[in-house]
Amino acid sequence: METQPQKNLNNVSFSVNAEKQTIDLTIIPHGETTPISFHVNYKLTERNGETEISVQNAASDRIWVNEILKIVLEKYNSEYKIPQNIAEIVKMFLK
């Protein structure tokens, strides 16, 4: 018997403003009836031939999600090295 993977997200809206280095994302998680919106400020840097992205700030319109985002950003490193084989593609969209 085959089973279909359950959809986890519906009605995803995603936009990037490379000039302002922001990402806006709106999703409706499976089982939810209202969307959750996210706003992320990021920074792309090139250092020693490597491209890195760092999350400067992240916020949500849901208070509880916003609190989780704050905890995660305070606790974990928000800088990520982008693999060289996709760095040029990422820069085309985010820079």
PDB file of N, CA and C in Angstrom:
ATOM      1  N   MET A   1       0.838  -1.170   0.000  1.00  0.00           N
ATOM      2  CA  MET A   1       0.000   0.000   0.000  1.00  0.00           C
ATOM      3  C   MET A   1       0.888   1.239   0.000  1.00  0.00           C
ATOM      4  N   GLU A   2       0.676   2.124  -0.969  1.00  0.00           N
ATOM      5  CA  GLU A   2       1.443   3.364  -1.048  1.00  0.00           C
ATOM      6  C   GLU A   2       0.770   4.442  -0.226  1.00  0.00           C
ATOM      7  N   THR A   3       1.606   5.270   0.390  1.00  0.00           N
ATOM      8  CA  THR A   3       1.060   6.418   1.109  1.00  0.00           C
ATOM      9  C   THR A   3       1.662   7.685   0.533  1.00  0.00           C
ATOM     10  N   GLN A   4       0.881   8.709   0.488  1.00  0.00           N
ATOM     11  CA  GLN A   4       1.350  10.001   0.012  1.00  0.00           C
ATOM     12  C   GLN A   4       1.963  10.762   1.183  1.00  0.00           C
ATOM     13  N   PRO A   5       3.104  11.417   0.951  1.00  0.00           N
ATOM     14  CA  PRO A   5       3.665  12.226   2.035  1.00  0.00           C
ATOM     15  C   PRO A   5       2.690  13.353   2.382  1.00  0.00           C
ATOM     16  N   GLN A   6       2.558  13.611   3.642  1.00  0.00           N
ATOM     17  CA  GLN A   6       1.642  14.636   4.097  1.00  0.00           C
ATOM     18  C   GLN A   6       2.241  16.010   3.832  1.00  0.00           C
ATOM     19  N   LYS A   7       1.433  16.918   3.320  1.00  0.00           N
ATOM     20  CA  LYS A   7       1.900  18.282   3.114  1.00  0.00           C
ATOM     21  C   LYS A   7       2.053  18.956   4.467  1.00  0.00           C
ATOM     22  N   ASN A   8       3.169  19.619   4.651  1.00  0.00           N
ATOM     23  CA  ASN A   8       3.398  20.310   5.915  1.00  0.00           C
ATOM     24  C   ASN A   8       3.120  21.801   5.816  1.00  0.00           C
ATOM     25  N   LEU A   9       3.285  22.369   4.639  1.00  0.00           N
ATOM     26  CA  LEU A   9       3.072  23.799   4.458  1.00  0.00           C
ATOM     27  C   LEU A   9       2.153  24.031   3.279  1.00  0.00           C
ATOM     28  N   ASN A  10       1.296  25.003   3.422  1.00  0.00           N
ATOM     29  CA  ASN A  10       0.400  25.387   2.341  1.00  0.00           C
ATOM     30  C   ASN A  10       0.546  26.882   2.090  1.00  0.00           C
ATOM     31  N   ASN A  11       0.250  27.293   0.894  1.00  0.00           N
ATOM     32  CA  ASN A  11       0.213  28.722   0.558  1.00  0.00           C
ATOM     33  C   ASN A  11       1.460  29.469   1.018  1.00  0.00           C
ATOM     34  N   VAL A  12       2.585  29.072   0.509  1.00  0.00           N
ATOM     35  CA  VAL A  12       3.840  29.708   0.865  1.00  0.00           C
ATOM     36  C   VAL A  12       4.039  30.954   0.010  1.00  0.00           C
ATOM     37  N   SER A  13       4.369  32.055   0.660  1.00  0.00           N
ATOM     38  CA  SER A  13       4.699  33.297  -0.020  1.00  0.00           C
ATOM     39  C   SER A  13       6.109  33.683   0.409  1.00  0.00           C
ATOM     40  N   PHE A  14       6.963  33.981  -0.562  1.00  0.00           N
ATOM     41  CA  PHE A  14       8.372  34.228  -0.284  1.00  0.00           C
ATOM     42  C   PHE A  14       8.834  35.395  -1.128  1.00  0.00           C
ATOM     43  N   SER A  15       9.441  36.400  -0.495  1.00  0.00           N
ATOM     44  CA  SER A  15       9.984  37.506  -1.278  1.00  0.00           C
ATOM     45  C   SER A  15      11.320  37.952  -0.690  1.00  0.00           C
ATOM     46  N   VAL A  16      12.195  38.385  -1.576  1.00  0.00           N
ATOM     47  CA  VAL A  16      13.534  38.837  -1.198  1.00  0.00           C
ATOM     48  C   VAL A  16      13.709  40.260  -1.694  1.00  0.00           C
ATOM     49  N   ASN A  17      14.220  41.127  -0.833  1.00  0.00           N
ATOM     50  CA  ASN A  17      14.625  42.460  -1.243  1.00  0.00           C
ATOM     51  C   ASN A  17      16.135  42.516  -1.071  1.00  0.00           C
ATOM     52  N   ALA A  18      16.857  42.266  -2.164  1.00  0.00           N
ATOM     53  CA  ALA A  18      18.316  42.171  -2.101  1.00  0.00           C
ATOM     54  C   ALA A  18      18.948  43.513  -1.745  1.00  0.00           C
ATOM     55  N   GLU A  19      18.322  44.599  -2.168  1.00  0.00           N
ATOM     56  CA  GLU A  19      18.863  45.927  -1.862  1.00  0.00           C
ATOM     57  C   GLU A  19      18.853  46.183  -0.352  1.00  0.00           C
ATOM     58  N   LYS A  20      17.754  45.821   0.296  1.00  0.00           N
ATOM     59  CA  LYS A  20      17.637  46.011   1.748  1.00  0.00           C
ATOM     60  C   LYS A  20      18.131  44.802   2.534  1.00  0.00           C
ATOM     61  N   GLN A  21      18.444  43.724   1.826  1.00  0.00           N
ATOM     62  CA  GLN A  21      18.879  42.451   2.412  1.00  0.00           C
ATOM     63  C   GLN A  21      17.852  41.941   3.431  1.00  0.00           C
ATOM     64  N   THR A  22      16.621  41.797   2.931  1.00  0.00           N
ATOM     65  CA  THR A  22      15.541  41.263   3.758  1.00  0.00           C
ATOM     66  C   THR A  22      14.830  40.128   3.026  1.00  0.00           C
ATOM     67  N   ILE A  23      14.262  39.234   3.813  1.00  0.00           N
ATOM     68  CA  ILE A  23      13.441  38.145   3.297  1.00  0.00           C
ATOM     69  C   ILE A  23      12.127  38.167   4.062  1.00  0.00           C
ATOM     70  N   ASP A  24      11.025  38.087   3.336  1.00  0.00           N
ATOM     71  CA  ASP A  24       9.710  37.978   3.948  1.00  0.00           C
ATOM     72  C   ASP A  24       9.105  36.652   3.524  1.00  0.00           C
ATOM     73  N   LEU A  25       8.598  35.920   4.496  1.00  0.00           N
ATOM     74  CA  LEU A  25       8.042  34.602   4.263  1.00  0.00           C
ATOM     75  C   LEU A  25       6.717  34.499   4.999  1.00  0.00           C
ATOM     76  N   THR A  26       5.702  34.010   4.305  1.00  0.00           N
ATOM     77  CA  THR A  26       4.409  33.750   4.925  1.00  0.00           C
ATOM     78  C   THR A  26       4.011  32.326   4.589  1.00  0.00           C
ATOM     79  N   ILE A  27       3.624  31.577   5.620  1.00  0.00           N
ATOM     80  CA  ILE A  27       3.237  30.179   5.435  1.00  0.00           C
ATOM     81  C   ILE A  27       1.971  29.879   6.227  1.00  0.00           C
ATOM     82  N   ILE A  28       1.285  28.848   5.800  1.00  0.00           N
ATOM     83  CA  ILE A  28       0.195  28.294   6.599  1.00  0.00           C
ATOM     84  C   ILE A  28       0.584  26.849   6.900  1.00  0.00           C
ATOM     85  N   PRO A  29       1.069  26.594   8.124  1.00  0.00           N
ATOM     86  CA  PRO A  29       1.455  25.219   8.468  1.00  0.00           C
ATOM     87  C   PRO A  29       0.253  24.281   8.438  1.00  0.00           C
ATOM     88  N   HIS A  30       0.524  23.021   8.162  1.00  0.00           N
ATOM     89  CA  HIS A  30      -0.536  22.013   8.123  1.00  0.00           C
ATOM     90  C   HIS A  30      -1.314  22.037   9.434  1.00  0.00           C
ATOM     91  N   GLY A  31      -2.620  22.090   9.357  1.00  0.00           N
ATOM     92  CA  GLY A  31      -3.471  22.106  10.542  1.00  0.00           C
ATOM     93  C   GLY A  31      -3.812  23.491  11.041  1.00  0.00           C
ATOM     94  N   GLU A  32      -3.135  24.509  10.524  1.00  0.00           N
ATOM     95  CA  GLU A  32      -3.413  25.884  10.923  1.00  0.00           C
ATOM     96  C   GLU A  32      -4.382  26.513   9.931  1.00  0.00           C
ATOM     97  N   THR A  33      -5.101  27.519  10.382  1.00  0.00           N
ATOM     98  CA  THR A  33      -6.051  28.196   9.489  1.00  0.00           C
ATOM     99  C   THR A  33      -5.607  29.609   9.142  1.00  0.00           C
ATOM    100  N   THR A  34      -4.666  30.136   9.902  1.00  0.00           N
ATOM    101  CA  THR A  34      -4.182  31.490   9.605  1.00  0.00           C
ATOM    102  C   THR A  34      -2.679  31.443   9.335  1.00  0.00           C
ATOM    103  N   PRO A  35      -2.212  32.329   8.467  1.00  0.00           N
ATOM    104  CA  PRO A  35      -0.793  32.315   8.113  1.00  0.00           C
ATOM    105  C   PRO A  35       0.105  32.840   9.230  1.00  0.00           C
ATOM    106  N   ILE A  36       1.362  32.411   9.165  1.00  0.00           N
ATOM    107  CA  ILE A  36       2.412  32.932  10.039  1.00  0.00           C
ATOM    108  C   ILE A  36       3.406  33.657   9.137  1.00  0.00           C
ATOM    109  N   SER A  37       3.727  34.884   9.497  1.00  0.00           N
ATOM    110  CA  SER A  37       4.662  35.682   8.698  1.00  0.00           C
ATOM    111  C   SER A  37       5.997  35.814   9.413  1.00  0.00           C
ATOM    112  N   PHE A  38       7.064  35.819   8.612  1.00  0.00           N
ATOM    113  CA  PHE A  38       8.414  35.982   9.122  1.00  0.00           C
ATOM    114  C   PHE A  38       9.091  37.103   8.349  1.00  0.00           C
ATOM    115  N   HIS A  39       9.916  37.871   9.040  1.00  0.00           N
ATOM    116  CA  HIS A  39      10.728  38.901   8.397  1.00  0.00           C
ATOM    117  C   HIS A  39      12.163  38.688   8.878  1.00  0.00           C
ATOM    118  N   VAL A  40      13.092  38.564   7.931  1.00  0.00           N
ATOM    119  CA  VAL A  40      14.487  38.286   8.260  1.00  0.00           C
ATOM    120  C   VAL A  40      15.378  39.346   7.630  1.00  0.00           C
ATOM    121  N   ASN A  41      16.276  39.901   8.430  1.00  0.00           N
ATOM    122  CA  ASN A  41      17.324  40.778   7.919  1.00  0.00           C
ATOM    123  C   ASN A  41      18.592  39.948   7.873  1.00  0.00           C
ATOM    124  N   TYR A  42      19.260  39.949   6.744  1.00  0.00           N
ATOM    125  CA  TYR A  42      20.466  39.145   6.588  1.00  0.00           C
ATOM    126  C   TYR A  42      21.603  40.004   6.054  1.00  0.00           C
ATOM    127  N   LYS A  43      22.789  39.451   6.107  1.00  0.00           N
ATOM    128  CA  LYS A  43      23.952  40.125   5.547  1.00  0.00           C
ATOM    129  C   LYS A  43      24.805  39.082   4.845  1.00  0.00           C
ATOM    130  N   LEU A  44      25.147  39.358   3.603  1.00  0.00           N
ATOM    131  CA  LEU A  44      26.064  38.495   2.847  1.00  0.00           C
ATOM    132  C   LEU A  44      27.448  39.110   2.909  1.00  0.00           C
ATOM    133  N   THR A  45      28.426  38.293   3.234  1.00  0.00           N
ATOM    134  CA  THR A  45      29.803  38.777   3.258  1.00  0.00           C
ATOM    135  C   THR A  45      30.701  37.791   2.524  1.00  0.00           C
ATOM    136  N   GLU A  46      31.769  38.328   1.981  1.00  0.00           N
ATOM    137  CA  GLU A  46      32.782  37.489   1.342  1.00  0.00           C
ATOM    138  C   GLU A  46      34.078  37.680   2.100  1.00  0.00           C
ATOM    139  N   ARG A  47      34.624  36.558   2.569  1.00  0.00           N
ATOM    140  CA  ARG A  47      35.810  36.600   3.401  1.00  0.00           C
ATOM    141  C   ARG A  47      36.716  35.450   3.011  1.00  0.00           C
ATOM    142  N   ASN A  48      37.938  35.759   2.691  1.00  0.00           N
ATOM    143  CA  ASN A  48      38.924  34.723   2.341  1.00  0.00           C
ATOM    144  C   ASN A  48      38.417  33.809   1.220  1.00  0.00           C
ATOM    145  N   GLY A  49      37.724  34.381   0.250  1.00  0.00           N
ATOM    146  CA  GLY A  49      37.232  33.603  -0.877  1.00  0.00           C
ATOM    147  C   GLY A  49      35.979  32.795  -0.585  1.00  0.00           C
ATOM    148  N   GLU A  50      35.428  32.947   0.608  1.00  0.00           N
ATOM    149  CA  GLU A  50      34.210  32.225   0.965  1.00  0.00           C
ATOM    150  C   GLU A  50      33.062  33.204   1.162  1.00  0.00           C
ATOM    151  N   THR A  51      31.872  32.754   0.830  1.00  0.00           N
ATOM    152  CA  THR A  51      30.678  33.568   1.011  1.00  0.00           C
ATOM    153  C   THR A  51      29.946  33.088   2.249  1.00  0.00           C
ATOM    154  N   GLU A  52      29.565  34.037   3.089  1.00  0.00           N
ATOM    155  CA  GLU A  52      28.830  33.715   4.304  1.00  0.00           C
ATOM    156  C   GLU A  52      27.540  34.523   4.349  1.00  0.00           C
ATOM    157  N   ILE A  53      26.531  33.947   4.951  1.00  0.00           N
ATOM    158  CA  ILE A  53      25.295  34.671   5.210  1.00  0.00           C
ATOM    159  C   ILE A  53      25.088  34.668   6.718  1.00  0.00           C
ATOM    160  N   SER A  54      24.704  35.812   7.235  1.00  0.00           N
ATOM    161  CA  SER A  54      24.407  35.883   8.667  1.00  0.00           C
ATOM    162  C   SER A  54      23.029  36.497   8.849  1.00  0.00           C
ATOM    163  N   VAL A  55      22.314  35.956   9.804  1.00  0.00           N
ATOM    164  CA  VAL A  55      20.994  36.470  10.133  1.00  0.00           C
ATOM    165  C   VAL A  55      21.206  37.582  11.156  1.00  0.00           C
ATOM    166  N   GLN A  56      20.828  38.793  10.782  1.00  0.00           N
ATOM    167  CA  GLN A  56      20.987  39.940  11.667  1.00  0.00           C
ATOM    168  C   GLN A  56      19.817  40.062  12.638  1.00  0.00           C
ATOM    169  N   ASN A  57      18.626  39.730  12.130  1.00  0.00           N
ATOM    170  CA  ASN A  57      17.411  39.827  12.933  1.00  0.00           C
ATOM    171  C   ASN A  57      16.352  38.955  12.276  1.00  0.00           C
ATOM    172  N   ALA A  58      15.495  38.375  13.084  1.00  0.00           N
ATOM    173  CA  ALA A  58      14.367  37.609  12.569  1.00  0.00           C
ATOM    174  C   ALA A  58      13.179  37.858  13.488  1.00  0.00           C
ATOM    175  N   ALA A  59      12.016  38.043  12.880  1.00  0.00           N
ATOM    176  CA  ALA A  59      10.817  38.320  13.664  1.00  0.00           C
ATOM    177  C   ALA A  59       9.612  37.661  13.004  1.00  0.00           C
ATOM    178  N   SER A  60       8.604  37.422  13.819  1.00  0.00           N
ATOM    179  CA  SER A  60       7.364  36.825  13.336  1.00  0.00           C
ATOM    180  C   SER A  60       6.189  37.616  13.891  1.00  0.00           C
ATOM    181  N   ASP A  61       5.052  37.473  13.225  1.00  0.00           N
ATOM    182  CA  ASP A  61       3.857  38.154  13.718  1.00  0.00           C
ATOM    183  C   ASP A  61       3.177  37.390  14.853  1.00  0.00           C
ATOM    184  N   ARG A  62       3.651  36.195  15.148  1.00  0.00           N
ATOM    185  CA  ARG A  62       3.130  35.425  16.282  1.00  0.00           C
ATOM    186  C   ARG A  62       4.087  35.594  17.453  1.00  0.00           C
ATOM    187  N   ILE A  63       3.564  35.999  18.583  1.00  0.00           N
ATOM    188  CA  ILE A  63       4.403  36.291  19.745  1.00  0.00           C
ATOM    189  C   ILE A  63       5.245  35.084  20.151  1.00  0.00           C
ATOM    190  N   TRP A  64       4.643  33.911  20.211  1.00  0.00           N
ATOM    191  CA  TRP A  64       5.384  32.737  20.665  1.00  0.00           C
ATOM    192  C   TRP A  64       6.481  32.341  19.680  1.00  0.00           C
ATOM    193  N   VAL A  65       6.226  32.508  18.389  1.00  0.00           N
ATOM    194  CA  VAL A  65       7.256  32.211  17.382  1.00  0.00           C
ATOM    195  C   VAL A  65       8.367  33.247  17.483  1.00  0.00           C
ATOM    196  N   ASN A  66       7.979  34.492  17.686  1.00  0.00           N
ATOM    197  CA  ASN A  66       8.950  35.573  17.822  1.00  0.00           C
ATOM    198  C   ASN A  66       9.893  35.312  19.004  1.00  0.00           C
ATOM    199  N   GLU A  67       9.359  34.834  20.116  1.00  0.00           N
ATOM    200  CA  GLU A  67      10.184  34.529  21.291  1.00  0.00           C
ATOM    201  C   GLU A  67      11.158  33.391  20.998  1.00  0.00           C
ATOM    202  N   ILE A  68      10.703  32.379  20.280  1.00  0.00           N
ATOM    203  CA  ILE A  68      11.590  31.271  19.906  1.00  0.00           C
ATOM    204  C   ILE A  68      12.714  31.774  19.004  1.00  0.00           C
ATOM    205  N   LEU A  69      12.378  32.620  18.038  1.00  0.00           N
ATOM    206  CA  LEU A  69      13.391  33.177  17.142  1.00  0.00           C
ATOM    207  C   LEU A  69      14.445  33.951  17.923  1.00  0.00           C
ATOM    208  N   LYS A  70      14.016  34.745  18.888  1.00  0.00           N
ATOM    209  CA  LYS A  70      14.968  35.517  19.710  1.00  0.00           C
ATOM    210  C   LYS A  70      15.911  34.590  20.471  1.00  0.00           C
ATOM    211  N   ILE A  71      15.358  33.537  21.068  1.00  0.00           N
ATOM    212  CA  ILE A  71      16.180  32.588  21.832  1.00  0.00           C
ATOM    213  C   ILE A  71      17.194  31.905  20.915  1.00  0.00           C
ATOM    214  N   VAL A  72      16.742  31.456  19.760  1.00  0.00           N
ATOM    215  CA  VAL A  72      17.629  30.763  18.822  1.00  0.00           C
ATOM    216  C   VAL A  72      18.737  31.690  18.347  1.00  0.00           C
ATOM    217  N   LEU A  73      18.401  32.934  18.005  1.00  0.00           N
ATOM    218  CA  LEU A  73      19.423  33.868  17.522  1.00  0.00           C
ATOM    219  C   LEU A  73      20.430  34.230  18.617  1.00  0.00           C
ATOM    220  N   GLU A  74      19.973  34.290  19.864  1.00  0.00           N
ATOM    221  CA  GLU A  74      20.893  34.595  20.961  1.00  0.00           C
ATOM    222  C   GLU A  74      21.798  33.401  21.281  1.00  0.00           C
ATOM    223  N   LYS A  75      21.255  32.200  21.184  1.00  0.00           N
ATOM    224  CA  LYS A  75      21.976  31.005  21.624  1.00  0.00           C
ATOM    225  C   LYS A  75      22.929  30.435  20.571  1.00  0.00           C
ATOM    226  N   TYR A  76      22.529  30.518  19.305  1.00  0.00           N
ATOM    227  CA  TYR A  76      23.306  29.854  18.255  1.00  0.00           C
ATOM    228  C   TYR A  76      23.950  30.857  17.321  1.00  0.00           C
ATOM    229  N   ASN A  77      25.039  30.419  16.715  1.00  0.00           N
ATOM    230  CA  ASN A  77      25.730  31.225  15.724  1.00  0.00           C
ATOM    231  C   ASN A  77      24.823  31.435  14.524  1.00  0.00           C
ATOM    232  N   SER A  78      24.702  32.659  14.090  1.00  0.00           N
ATOM    233  CA  SER A  78      23.812  32.940  12.964  1.00  0.00           C
ATOM    234  C   SER A  78      24.581  33.154  11.659  1.00  0.00           C
ATOM    235  N   GLU A  79      25.851  32.763  11.635  1.00  0.00           N
ATOM    236  CA  GLU A  79      26.651  32.866  10.413  1.00  0.00           C
ATOM    237  C   GLU A  79      26.816  31.484   9.797  1.00  0.00           C
ATOM    238  N   TYR A  80      26.555  31.417   8.499  1.00  0.00           N
ATOM    239  CA  TYR A  80      26.630  30.137   7.793  1.00  0.00           C
ATOM    240  C   TYR A  80      27.456  30.297   6.529  1.00  0.00           C
ATOM    241  N   LYS A  81      28.406  29.390   6.344  1.00  0.00           N
ATOM    242  CA  LYS A  81      29.196  29.387   5.114  1.00  0.00           C
ATOM    243  C   LYS A  81      28.353  28.763   4.008  1.00  0.00           C
ATOM    244  N   ILE A  82      28.340  29.421   2.876  1.00  0.00           N
ATOM    245  CA  ILE A  82      27.608  28.913   1.718  1.00  0.00           C
ATOM    246  C   ILE A  82      28.589  28.104   0.879  1.00  0.00           C
ATOM    247  N   PRO A  83      28.257  26.857   0.572  1.00  0.00           N
ATOM    248  CA  PRO A  83      29.170  26.039  -0.239  1.00  0.00           C
ATOM    249  C   PRO A  83      29.540  26.742  -1.550  1.00  0.00           C
ATOM    250  N   GLN A  84      30.801  26.650  -1.923  1.00  0.00           N
ATOM    251  CA  GLN A  84      31.292  27.357  -3.101  1.00  0.00           C
ATOM    252  C   GLN A  84      30.536  26.991  -4.374  1.00  0.00           C
ATOM    253  N   ASN A  85      30.057  25.757  -4.474  1.00  0.00           N
ATOM    254  CA  ASN A  85      29.397  25.342  -5.711  1.00  0.00           C
ATOM    255  C   ASN A  85      28.022  26.009  -5.895  1.00  0.00           C
ATOM    256  N   ILE A  86      27.465  26.610  -4.835  1.00  0.00           N
ATOM    257  CA  ILE A  86      26.181  27.312  -5.006  1.00  0.00           C
ATOM    258  C   ILE A  86      26.263  28.790  -4.625  1.00  0.00           C
ATOM    259  N   ALA A  87      27.438  29.241  -4.201  1.00  0.00           N
ATOM    260  CA  ALA A  87      27.586  30.622  -3.733  1.00  0.00           C
ATOM    261  C   ALA A  87      27.197  31.650  -4.804  1.00  0.00           C
ATOM    262  N   GLU A  88      27.591  31.428  -6.044  1.00  0.00           N
ATOM    263  CA  GLU A  88      27.275  32.394  -7.102  1.00  0.00           C
ATOM    264  C   GLU A  88      25.768  32.485  -7.341  1.00  0.00           C
ATOM    265  N   ILE A  89      25.083  31.370  -7.271  1.00  0.00           N
ATOM    266  CA  ILE A  89      23.631  31.358  -7.448  1.00  0.00           C
ATOM    267  C   ILE A  89      22.958  32.101  -6.285  1.00  0.00           C
ATOM    268  N   VAL A  90      23.396  31.816  -5.083  1.00  0.00           N
ATOM    269  CA  VAL A  90      22.825  32.477  -3.903  1.00  0.00           C
ATOM    270  C   VAL A  90      23.036  33.990  -3.999  1.00  0.00           C
ATOM    271  N   LYS A  91      24.232  34.394  -4.405  1.00  0.00           N
ATOM    272  CA  LYS A  91      24.519  35.835  -4.521  1.00  0.00           C
ATOM    273  C   LYS A  91      23.642  36.500  -5.573  1.00  0.00           C
ATOM    274  N   MET A  92      23.292  35.764  -6.632  1.00  0.00           N
ATOM    275  CA  MET A  92      22.419  36.339  -7.662  1.00  0.00           C
ATOM    276  C   MET A  92      21.058  36.716  -7.081  1.00  0.00           C
ATOM    277  N   PHE A  93      20.566  35.940  -6.140  1.00  0.00           N
ATOM    278  CA  PHE A  93      19.247  36.180  -5.554  1.00  0.00           C
ATOM    279  C   PHE A  93      19.291  37.110  -4.344  1.00  0.00           C
ATOM    280  N   LEU A  94      20.370  37.049  -3.573  1.00  0.00           N
ATOM    281  CA  LEU A  94      20.378  37.750  -2.301  1.00  0.00           C
ATOM    282  C   LEU A  94      21.271  38.990  -2.242  1.00  0.00           C
ATOM    283  N   LYS A  95      22.022  39.248  -3.311  1.00  0.00           N
ATOM    284  CA  LYS A  95      22.936  40.386  -3.271  1.00  0.00           C
ATOM    285  C   LYS A  95      22.567  41.416  -4.294  1.00  0.00           C
TER     286      LYS A  95
END
